[in-house]
Structure formats: C-alpha cells, structure tokens
C-alpha atoms as a PDB file:
ATOM      1  CA  MET A   1     119.982  57.984  86.534  1.00  0.00           C
ATOM      2  CA  THR A   2     117.146  56.999  88.780  1.00  0.00           C
ATOM      3  CA  PRO A   3     113.499  57.519  87.776  1.00  0.00           C
ATOM      4  CA  GLU A   4     113.177  60.198  90.447  1.00  0.00           C
ATOM      5  CA  THR A   5     115.895  62.342  88.900  1.00  0.00           C
ATOM      6  CA  MET A   6     114.591  61.826  85.370  1.00  0.00           C
ATOM      7  CA  SER A   7     111.056  62.956  86.222  1.00  0.00           C
ATOM      8  CA  SER A   8     112.030  65.960  88.280  1.00  0.00           C
ATOM      9  CA  MET A   9     113.129  69.278  86.904  1.00  0.00           C
ATOM     10  CA  SER A  10     115.890  71.515  88.208  1.00  0.00           C
ATOM     11  CA  GLN A  11     115.062  74.856  89.730  1.00  0.00           C
ATOM     12  CA  THR A  12     116.950  76.620  86.942  1.00  0.00           C
ATOM     13  CA  ALA A  13     114.831  74.955  84.266  1.00  0.00           C
ATOM     14  CA  LEU A  14     111.682  75.769  86.253  1.00  0.00           C
ATOM     15  CA  ALA A  15     112.740  79.408  86.430  1.00  0.00           C
ATOM     16  CA  HIS A  16     113.214  79.484  82.646  1.00  0.00           C
ATOM     17  CA  TYR A  17     109.753  78.030  82.011  1.00  0.00           C
ATOM     18  CA  LEU A  18     108.202  80.451  84.491  1.00  0.00           C
ATOM     19  CA  ALA A  19     109.949  83.353  82.765  1.00  0.00           C
ATOM     20  CA  ILE A  20     108.599  82.237  79.384  1.00  0.00           C
ATOM     21  CA  GLY A  21     105.092  81.892  80.827  1.00  0.00           C
ATOM     22  CA  ALA A  22     105.316  85.328  82.430  1.00  0.00           C
ATOM     23  CA  ILE A  23     106.588  86.898  79.200  1.00  0.00           C
ATOM     24  CA  LEU A  24     103.725  85.356  77.226  1.00  0.00           C
ATOM     25  CA  PHE A  25     101.183  86.557  79.771  1.00  0.00           C
ATOM     26  CA  VAL A  26     102.579  90.106  79.973  1.00  0.00           C
ATOM     27  CA  LEU A  27     102.808  90.453  76.178  1.00  0.00           C
ATOM     28  CA  GLY A  28      99.215  89.243  75.882  1.00  0.00           C
ATOM     29  CA  LEU A  29      98.092  91.675  78.569  1.00  0.00           C
ATOM     30  CA  ILE A  30      99.874  94.610  76.939  1.00  0.00           C
ATOM     31  CA  GLY A  31      98.421  93.694  73.559  1.00  0.00           C
ATOM     32  CA  PHE A  32      94.915  93.377  75.011  1.00  0.00           C
ATOM     33  CA  VAL A  33      95.101  96.779  76.692  1.00  0.00           C
ATOM     34  CA  THR A  34      96.689  98.678  73.809  1.00  0.00           C
ATOM     35  CA  ARG A  35      94.924  97.204  70.770  1.00  0.00           C
ATOM     36  CA  ARG A  36      91.450  98.244  69.653  1.00  0.00           C
ATOM     37  CA  ASN A  37      90.919  95.595  66.976  1.00  0.00           C
ATOM     38  CA  LEU A  38      88.604  92.894  68.344  1.00  0.00           C
ATOM     39  CA  ILE A  39      90.414  90.017  66.627  1.00  0.00           C
ATOM     40  CA  LEU A  40      93.777  91.122  68.024  1.00  0.00           C
ATOM     41  CA  MET A  41      92.236  91.484  71.472  1.00  0.00           C
ATOM     42  CA  PHE A  42      91.002  87.899  71.361  1.00  0.00           C
ATOM     43  CA  LEU A  43      94.383  86.675  70.099  1.00  0.00           C
ATOM     44  CA  CYS A  44      96.052  88.445  73.013  1.00  0.00           C
ATOM     45  CA  THR A  45      93.640  86.698  75.377  1.00  0.00           C
ATOM     46  CA  GLU A  46      94.702  83.373  73.866  1.00  0.00           C
ATOM     47  CA  MET A  47      98.342  84.333  74.393  1.00  0.00           C
ATOM     48  CA  MET A  48      97.615  84.974  78.078  1.00  0.00           C
ATOM     49  CA  PHE A  49      95.982  81.522  78.314  1.00  0.00           C
ATOM     50  CA  GLN A  50      99.100  79.948  76.786  1.00  0.00           C
ATOM     51  CA  GLY A  51     101.352  81.731  79.281  1.00  0.00           C
ATOM     52  CA  ILE A  52      99.284  80.290  82.121  1.00  0.00           C
ATOM     53  CA  ALA A  53      99.374  76.837  80.513  1.00  0.00           C
ATOM     54  CA  VAL A  54     103.190  76.872  80.234  1.00  0.00           C
ATOM     55  CA  THR A  55     103.441  77.877  83.892  1.00  0.00           C
ATOM     56  CA  MET A  56     101.075  75.155  85.080  1.00  0.00           C
ATOM     57  CA  ILE A  57     102.824  72.449  83.068  1.00  0.00           C
ATOM     58  CA  ALA A  58     106.210  73.568  84.414  1.00  0.00           C
ATOM     59  CA  PHE A  59     104.979  73.385  88.005  1.00  0.00           C
ATOM     60  CA  ALA A  60     103.380  69.983  87.380  1.00  0.00           C
ATOM     61  CA  ARG A  61     106.637  68.675  85.938  1.00  0.00           C
ATOM     62  CA  TYR A  62     108.656  70.183  88.794  1.00  0.00           C
ATOM     63  CA  HIS A  63     106.466  68.543  91.441  1.00  0.00           C
ATOM     64  CA  GLY A  64     106.196  65.278  89.523  1.00  0.00           C
ATOM     65  CA  ASN A  65     102.401  65.021  89.368  1.00  0.00           C
ATOM     66  CA  LEU A  66      99.881  65.181  86.540  1.00  0.00           C
ATOM     67  CA  ALA A  67      97.354  67.520  88.152  1.00  0.00           C
ATOM     68  CA  GLY A  68      98.685  70.643  86.423  1.00  0.00           C
ATOM     69  CA  GLN A  69      98.832  68.933  83.052  1.00  0.00           C
ATOM     70  CA  ALA A  70      95.262  67.684  83.400  1.00  0.00           C
ATOM     71  CA  PHE A  71      94.118  71.185  84.340  1.00  0.00           C
ATOM     72  CA  VAL A  72      95.850  72.598  81.247  1.00  0.00           C
ATOM     73  CA  ILE A  73      93.693  70.313  79.085  1.00  0.00           C
ATOM     74  CA  PHE A  74      90.631  71.971  80.607  1.00  0.00           C
ATOM     75  CA  ILE A  75      92.141  75.430  80.053  1.00  0.00           C
ATOM     76  CA  LEU A  76      92.782  74.616  76.384  1.00  0.00           C
ATOM     77  CA  THR A  77      89.210  73.344  76.028  1.00  0.00           C
ATOM     78  CA  VAL A  78      87.826  76.563  77.488  1.00  0.00           C
ATOM     79  CA  ALA A  79      90.146  78.588  75.238  1.00  0.00           C
ATOM     80  CA  ALA A  80      88.910  76.724  72.149  1.00  0.00           C
ATOM     81  CA  CYS A  81      85.279  77.348  73.118  1.00  0.00           C
ATOM     82  CA  GLU A  82      86.052  81.002  73.789  1.00  0.00           C
ATOM     83  CA  ALA A  83      87.738  81.345  70.400  1.00  0.00           C
ATOM     84  CA  ALA A  84      84.744  79.814  68.610  1.00  0.00           C
ATOM     85  CA  LEU A  85      82.282  82.104  70.391  1.00  0.00           C
ATOM     86  CA  ALA A  86      84.514  85.128  69.876  1.00  0.00           C
ATOM     87  CA  LEU A  87      84.793  84.457  66.159  1.00  0.00           C
ATOM     88  CA  GLY A  88      81.016  84.261  65.841  1.00  0.00           C
ATOM     89  CA  LEU A  89      80.624  87.464  67.840  1.00  0.00           C
ATOM     90  CA  VAL A  90      83.250  89.296  65.788  1.00  0.00           C
ATOM     91  CA  VAL A  91      81.552  88.267  62.536  1.00  0.00           C
ATOM     92  CA  LEU A  92      78.194  89.495  63.864  1.00  0.00           C
ATOM     93  CA  LEU A  93      79.649  92.804  65.026  1.00  0.00           C
ATOM     94  CA  PHE A  94      81.453  93.331  61.726  1.00  0.00           C
ATOM     95  CA  ARG A  95      78.238  92.780  59.764  1.00  0.00           C
ATOM     96  CA  ARG A  96      76.449  95.423  61.820  1.00  0.00           C
ATOM     97  CA  ARG A  97      79.026  98.240  61.833  1.00  0.00           C
ATOM     98  CA  ARG A  98      81.570  97.264  59.135  1.00  0.00           C
ATOM     99  CA  THR A  99      84.422  97.797  61.593  1.00  0.00           C
ATOM    100  CA  LEU A 100      86.324  95.746  64.138  1.00  0.00           C
ATOM    101  CA  ASN A 101      87.363  98.738  66.224  1.00  0.00           C
ATOM    102  CA  ALA A 102      86.282  98.209  69.840  1.00  0.00           C
ATOM    103  CA  ASP A 103      85.663 101.963  70.311  1.00  0.00           C
ATOM    104  CA  ALA A 104      82.793 101.790  67.831  1.00  0.00           C
ATOM    105  CA  TRP A 105      80.886  99.620  70.324  1.00  0.00           C
ATOM    106  CA  ASN A 106      81.019 101.989  73.324  1.00  0.00           C
ATOM    107  CA  GLU A 107      77.389 103.037  73.030  1.00  0.00           C
ATOM    108  CA  MET A 108      75.934  99.503  73.039  1.00  0.00           C
ATOM    109  CA  LYS A 109      72.792  99.255  75.103  1.00  0.00           C
ATOM    110  CA  GLY A 110      71.378  96.091  76.675  1.00  0.00           C
END
C-alpha cells in the first residue's frame, strides 16, 4: 500500500462517519427541544458538539489534511468552557428556585 491510499478514506467509510455524526446531532437536538431539565439540555448540547466533531474529523481524514482536526480541538475547548459555565449557572439557578425545570425560569427579567 502506498502512503496515499493509507491516509485516505473510502467514500463508504466517510458515509458511515457522517451518518454517525448526523445521528448524534439529531439525537442531541431532539433531546434539547423535548427536555425541560437544564442539566439534560446542556448534555444534549454537548452531544450536538460531538456530532459536529465526528463529522469534521471524518472530512479532514477523507481530504487528507489536518485543518478539520485542529478545528475540532477548538470546538472541544469551547465545549469544555461552556460546560463549566453551564454547571455554575445551573448551581446558581437551583439555589434560587430549588428546581432545574427550565419552565420555572420563564418570567426572568433583565
């Protein structure tokens, strides 16, 4: 095998990775829309980020460059920061209302 064939990915394998990424994203989106618990909503957001990351890595591998993989590192960094901020926000909201139901926060005023 030549290095070109070892680094490239077949279209069938790319389609499988894209299907997995799409499934992760759609499941995260459905969970975000249907759930009212704030922690579950943030977990579904993280699942959508992971679906995007799988897709970007698959395209980077298919095209044989590292740009998509480098961008995924930035996505994961943003996701980690978002998770830390979300956890702090959820703890604050729980201390105020003793619930994690998102409907309890409809009447928030700025």
